């Protein structure tokens, strides 16, 4: 079986390089982009199975990237949103209805790995279920244990 292909869209160089390196060490085929526009170009060239995208990008936001990925690549691409900050209830409601997974930074690598190992992504979870880095589910992140 071919290695799962992951596109990382992250504007912070250190975070992007760390994610790319860690995912490659796990055996995934990984490429990355530093902006939403570059990420969408890579989408058409790389044809990923999974997109890991920072929510706050300099040229757009992760929700807009998610919607474009869905238009171009369909539901077969697992979409994971990561963010350092929470944009409030409106953002969370949108992510709840559209993203497969949502992780707050710093990303819990064991949980990210678990999301990636699930071949069908969140399609096994109840519709609209978010999985947060601390293990909670639902519309609001739970406090870390």
Foldseek 3Di string as FASTA:
>chain_A
DAAAEEEEEAQDVVVFVVVQVVVVVVVHHYDYHNALVVSVVVCVVPVGQEYEYEQDHPPHGPLVSQVVCCVPPNLRRAYEYEYQDDPDLVVLQSCLQGHLEYEYPVAQVVVVVVQVVPNRGNPVPDHSWYAYRQGDIDSDDDDHD
